[in-house]
N, C-alpha and C. Protein backbone atom coordinates (compact mmCIF):
# COMPACT_ATOMS: atom_id res chain seq x y z
N MET A 1 163.88 32.89 175.36
CA MET A 1 163.84 34.19 175.98
C MET A 1 162.69 35.04 175.46
N SER A 2 162.27 34.78 174.25
CA SER A 2 161.16 35.57 173.71
C SER A 2 159.86 35.26 174.45
N ASP A 3 159.75 34.04 175.04
CA ASP A 3 158.55 33.71 175.79
C ASP A 3 158.44 34.56 177.04
N GLN A 4 159.57 34.81 177.71
CA GLN A 4 159.54 35.60 178.93
C GLN A 4 159.17 37.05 178.62
N SER A 5 159.71 37.59 177.53
CA SER A 5 159.41 38.98 177.21
C SER A 5 157.95 39.14 176.75
N SER A 6 157.41 38.09 176.08
CA SER A 6 156.03 38.19 175.64
C SER A 6 155.06 37.98 176.81
N ASN A 7 155.46 37.24 177.84
CA ASN A 7 154.59 37.05 179.00
C ASN A 7 154.63 38.25 179.93
N GLY A 8 155.66 39.05 179.86
CA GLY A 8 155.76 40.22 180.72
C GLY A 8 154.62 41.19 180.54
N PRO A 9 154.36 41.66 179.33
CA PRO A 9 153.23 42.59 179.14
C PRO A 9 151.88 41.93 179.42
N LEU A 10 151.77 40.64 179.08
CA LEU A 10 150.52 39.93 179.34
C LEU A 10 150.26 39.85 180.85
N SER A 11 151.30 39.54 181.60
CA SER A 11 151.16 39.47 183.05
C SER A 11 150.84 40.84 183.63
N ALA A 12 151.48 41.88 183.11
CA ALA A 12 151.21 43.23 183.59
C ALA A 12 149.78 43.65 183.27
N ASN A 13 149.30 43.31 182.08
CA ASN A 13 147.93 43.65 181.71
C ASN A 13 146.92 42.90 182.57
N PHE A 14 147.23 41.62 182.87
CA PHE A 14 146.33 40.85 183.72
C PHE A 14 146.31 41.43 185.13
N SER A 15 147.45 41.88 185.62
CA SER A 15 147.48 42.48 186.95
C SER A 15 146.65 43.76 187.00
N LYS A 16 146.67 44.52 185.93
CA LYS A 16 145.86 45.74 185.88
C LYS A 16 144.37 45.41 185.78
N ALA A 17 144.03 44.33 185.09
CA ALA A 17 142.63 43.99 184.85
C ALA A 17 142.05 43.11 185.96
N LYS A 18 142.88 42.61 186.86
CA LYS A 18 142.39 41.69 187.89
C LYS A 18 141.25 42.26 188.73
N PRO A 19 141.31 43.51 189.19
CA PRO A 19 140.17 44.03 189.97
C PRO A 19 138.86 44.04 189.19
N TYR A 20 138.94 44.29 187.89
CA TYR A 20 137.73 44.31 187.07
C TYR A 20 137.15 42.90 186.93
N PHE A 21 138.02 41.90 186.73
CA PHE A 21 137.55 40.53 186.65
C PHE A 21 136.93 40.09 187.97
N LEU A 22 137.56 40.45 189.07
CA LEU A 22 137.02 40.08 190.37
C LEU A 22 135.67 40.74 190.62
N MET A 23 135.51 41.96 190.18
CA MET A 23 134.22 42.64 190.35
C MET A 23 133.14 41.99 189.50
N ILE A 24 133.49 41.55 188.30
CA ILE A 24 132.54 40.85 187.45
C ILE A 24 132.11 39.54 188.10
N PHE A 25 133.08 38.79 188.64
CA PHE A 25 132.74 37.54 189.32
C PHE A 25 131.89 37.80 190.56
N LEU A 26 132.16 38.88 191.27
CA LEU A 26 131.36 39.24 192.43
C LEU A 26 129.92 39.54 192.02
N GLN A 27 129.73 40.23 190.92
CA GLN A 27 128.38 40.52 190.44
C GLN A 27 127.64 39.24 190.04
N PHE A 28 128.35 38.31 189.40
CA PHE A 28 127.72 37.03 189.07
C PHE A 28 127.34 36.28 190.33
N GLY A 29 128.19 36.32 191.35
CA GLY A 29 127.87 35.67 192.62
C GLY A 29 126.66 36.30 193.29
N SER A 30 126.58 37.62 193.27
CA SER A 30 125.42 38.30 193.84
C SER A 30 124.14 37.97 193.08
N ALA A 31 124.21 37.94 191.77
CA ALA A 31 123.04 37.60 190.96
C ALA A 31 122.62 36.15 191.22
N GLY A 32 123.58 35.25 191.32
CA GLY A 32 123.26 33.86 191.62
C GLY A 32 122.61 33.70 192.99
N MET A 33 123.14 34.41 193.98
CA MET A 33 122.55 34.35 195.32
C MET A 33 121.14 34.92 195.32
N TYR A 34 120.91 35.98 194.56
CA TYR A 34 119.57 36.56 194.46
C TYR A 34 118.59 35.57 193.85
N ILE A 35 119.01 34.90 192.79
CA ILE A 35 118.14 33.92 192.12
C ILE A 35 117.83 32.77 193.06
N ILE A 36 118.85 32.25 193.72
CA ILE A 36 118.63 31.14 194.65
C ILE A 36 117.72 31.56 195.79
N SER A 37 117.92 32.77 196.30
CA SER A 37 117.08 33.26 197.40
C SER A 37 115.63 33.39 196.96
N MET A 38 115.40 33.94 195.78
CA MET A 38 114.03 34.13 195.32
C MET A 38 113.34 32.78 195.08
N VAL A 39 114.06 31.82 194.54
CA VAL A 39 113.47 30.51 194.29
C VAL A 39 113.10 29.84 195.61
N THR A 40 114.01 29.87 196.58
CA THR A 40 113.72 29.22 197.85
C THR A 40 112.61 29.94 198.62
N LEU A 41 112.60 31.26 198.57
CA LEU A 41 111.53 31.99 199.26
C LEU A 41 110.18 31.75 198.60
N ASN A 42 110.15 31.66 197.28
CA ASN A 42 108.90 31.39 196.57
C ASN A 42 108.39 29.98 196.84
N GLN A 43 109.30 29.06 197.19
CA GLN A 43 108.88 27.70 197.52
C GLN A 43 108.45 27.57 198.96
N GLY A 44 108.55 28.65 199.74
CA GLY A 44 108.01 28.63 201.08
C GLY A 44 109.03 28.60 202.21
N MET A 45 110.30 28.78 201.92
CA MET A 45 111.28 28.78 203.00
C MET A 45 111.15 30.07 203.80
N ASN A 46 111.29 29.93 205.10
CA ASN A 46 111.26 31.08 205.99
C ASN A 46 112.50 31.95 205.73
N ARG A 47 112.33 33.25 205.72
CA ARG A 47 113.47 34.13 205.39
C ARG A 47 114.54 34.10 206.45
N TYR A 48 114.17 33.87 207.71
CA TYR A 48 115.17 33.79 208.78
C TYR A 48 116.01 32.52 208.65
N VAL A 49 115.36 31.44 208.25
CA VAL A 49 116.09 30.19 208.02
C VAL A 49 117.06 30.36 206.86
N LEU A 50 116.61 31.06 205.82
CA LEU A 50 117.48 31.31 204.67
C LEU A 50 118.71 32.11 205.08
N VAL A 51 118.54 33.10 205.94
CA VAL A 51 119.68 33.91 206.39
C VAL A 51 120.66 33.06 207.18
N VAL A 52 120.15 32.19 208.04
CA VAL A 52 121.03 31.31 208.83
C VAL A 52 121.79 30.37 207.91
N TYR A 53 121.10 29.75 206.96
CA TYR A 53 121.77 28.84 206.02
C TYR A 53 122.82 29.58 205.19
N ARG A 54 122.48 30.76 204.72
CA ARG A 54 123.41 31.52 203.88
C ARG A 54 124.66 31.88 204.67
N ASN A 55 124.50 32.33 205.91
CA ASN A 55 125.65 32.69 206.73
C ASN A 55 126.48 31.46 207.11
N ALA A 56 125.83 30.34 207.38
CA ALA A 56 126.55 29.12 207.72
C ALA A 56 127.38 28.63 206.54
N ILE A 57 126.79 28.64 205.36
CA ILE A 57 127.53 28.20 204.16
C ILE A 57 128.69 29.15 203.87
N ALA A 58 128.45 30.44 204.02
CA ALA A 58 129.53 31.42 203.79
C ALA A 58 130.67 31.20 204.77
N ALA A 59 130.35 30.93 206.04
CA ALA A 59 131.40 30.68 207.03
C ALA A 59 132.19 29.43 206.70
N LEU A 60 131.49 28.38 206.28
CA LEU A 60 132.19 27.13 205.93
C LEU A 60 133.07 27.29 204.70
N VAL A 61 132.64 28.11 203.76
CA VAL A 61 133.43 28.30 202.53
C VAL A 61 134.62 29.22 202.79
N LEU A 62 134.43 30.28 203.57
CA LEU A 62 135.49 31.28 203.76
C LEU A 62 136.47 30.94 204.87
N ALA A 63 136.08 30.13 205.84
CA ALA A 63 136.95 29.84 206.97
C ALA A 63 138.28 29.19 206.56
N PRO A 64 138.30 28.19 205.67
CA PRO A 64 139.60 27.62 205.30
C PRO A 64 140.54 28.64 204.65
N PHE A 65 140.00 29.54 203.84
CA PHE A 65 140.85 30.56 203.23
C PHE A 65 141.43 31.48 204.30
N ALA A 66 140.61 31.86 205.26
CA ALA A 66 141.09 32.75 206.32
C ALA A 66 142.14 32.05 207.16
N LEU A 67 141.94 30.78 207.46
CA LEU A 67 142.90 30.06 208.28
C LEU A 67 144.24 29.88 207.57
N VAL A 68 144.20 29.60 206.28
CA VAL A 68 145.43 29.34 205.54
C VAL A 68 146.14 30.64 205.17
N LEU A 69 145.41 31.60 204.63
CA LEU A 69 146.04 32.81 204.11
C LEU A 69 146.43 33.80 205.20
N GLU A 70 145.75 33.78 206.33
CA GLU A 70 146.03 34.74 207.40
C GLU A 70 146.74 34.09 208.58
N ARG A 71 147.33 32.92 208.37
CA ARG A 71 147.94 32.19 209.46
C ARG A 71 149.07 32.97 210.12
N LYS A 72 149.90 33.62 209.34
CA LYS A 72 151.07 34.31 209.89
C LYS A 72 150.73 35.68 210.46
N THR A 73 149.63 36.29 210.05
CA THR A 73 149.35 37.66 210.45
C THR A 73 148.38 37.77 211.63
N ARG A 74 147.82 36.65 212.07
CA ARG A 74 146.88 36.68 213.20
C ARG A 74 147.62 36.90 214.51
N PRO A 75 147.11 37.77 215.38
CA PRO A 75 147.71 37.88 216.71
C PRO A 75 147.27 36.71 217.57
N LYS A 76 148.04 36.45 218.63
CA LYS A 76 147.65 35.38 219.53
C LYS A 76 146.38 35.77 220.26
N MET A 77 145.55 34.79 220.55
CA MET A 77 144.28 35.05 221.22
C MET A 77 144.53 35.20 222.72
N THR A 78 144.67 36.44 223.13
CA THR A 78 144.83 36.73 224.55
C THR A 78 143.48 37.13 225.12
N PHE A 79 143.40 37.20 226.44
CA PHE A 79 142.14 37.55 227.06
C PHE A 79 141.66 38.95 226.69
N PRO A 80 142.55 39.98 226.65
CA PRO A 80 142.07 41.30 226.21
C PRO A 80 141.56 41.31 224.76
N ILE A 81 142.23 40.58 223.88
CA ILE A 81 141.76 40.51 222.49
C ILE A 81 140.41 39.80 222.44
N PHE A 82 140.25 38.74 223.23
CA PHE A 82 138.97 38.04 223.28
C PHE A 82 137.86 38.97 223.77
N LEU A 83 138.14 39.78 224.78
CA LEU A 83 137.14 40.72 225.28
C LEU A 83 136.79 41.77 224.23
N GLN A 84 137.78 42.23 223.47
CA GLN A 84 137.50 43.19 222.41
C GLN A 84 136.61 42.58 221.33
N ILE A 85 136.87 41.34 220.97
CA ILE A 85 136.05 40.66 219.98
C ILE A 85 134.62 40.49 220.49
N MET A 86 134.49 40.12 221.75
CA MET A 86 133.15 39.97 222.33
C MET A 86 132.41 41.30 222.38
N ALA A 87 133.13 42.37 222.74
CA ALA A 87 132.49 43.70 222.79
C ALA A 87 132.02 44.13 221.40
N LEU A 88 132.85 43.88 220.37
CA LEU A 88 132.44 44.21 219.01
C LEU A 88 131.24 43.37 218.57
N GLY A 89 131.22 42.12 218.99
CA GLY A 89 130.08 41.25 218.66
C GLY A 89 128.79 41.73 219.28
N PHE A 90 128.87 42.18 220.54
CA PHE A 90 127.66 42.66 221.21
C PHE A 90 127.21 44.02 220.67
N LEU A 91 128.16 44.84 220.25
CA LEU A 91 127.81 46.17 219.78
C LEU A 91 127.45 46.22 218.29
N GLU A 92 127.54 45.09 217.65
CA GLU A 92 127.23 45.07 216.23
C GLU A 92 125.85 45.59 216.00
């Protein structure tokens, strides 16, 4: 029973610190992307090609998480919802 009581404050402290850890990881990701971008651009890659590759890789990495984690909360794809998505895409 002492293990449960000792994990309680630790778990609570981790929950409070989680946004800070996530922000630190986000900053490392941004710095890594900046370094990779600068290296590829200095080697002669076209900046438009780099943007396409970066967006394609991001979509491939994030799509499985969106499909799994948001499975229950997605509305059904009806024609009005499809039109709204298309309108937002064109107005971007």
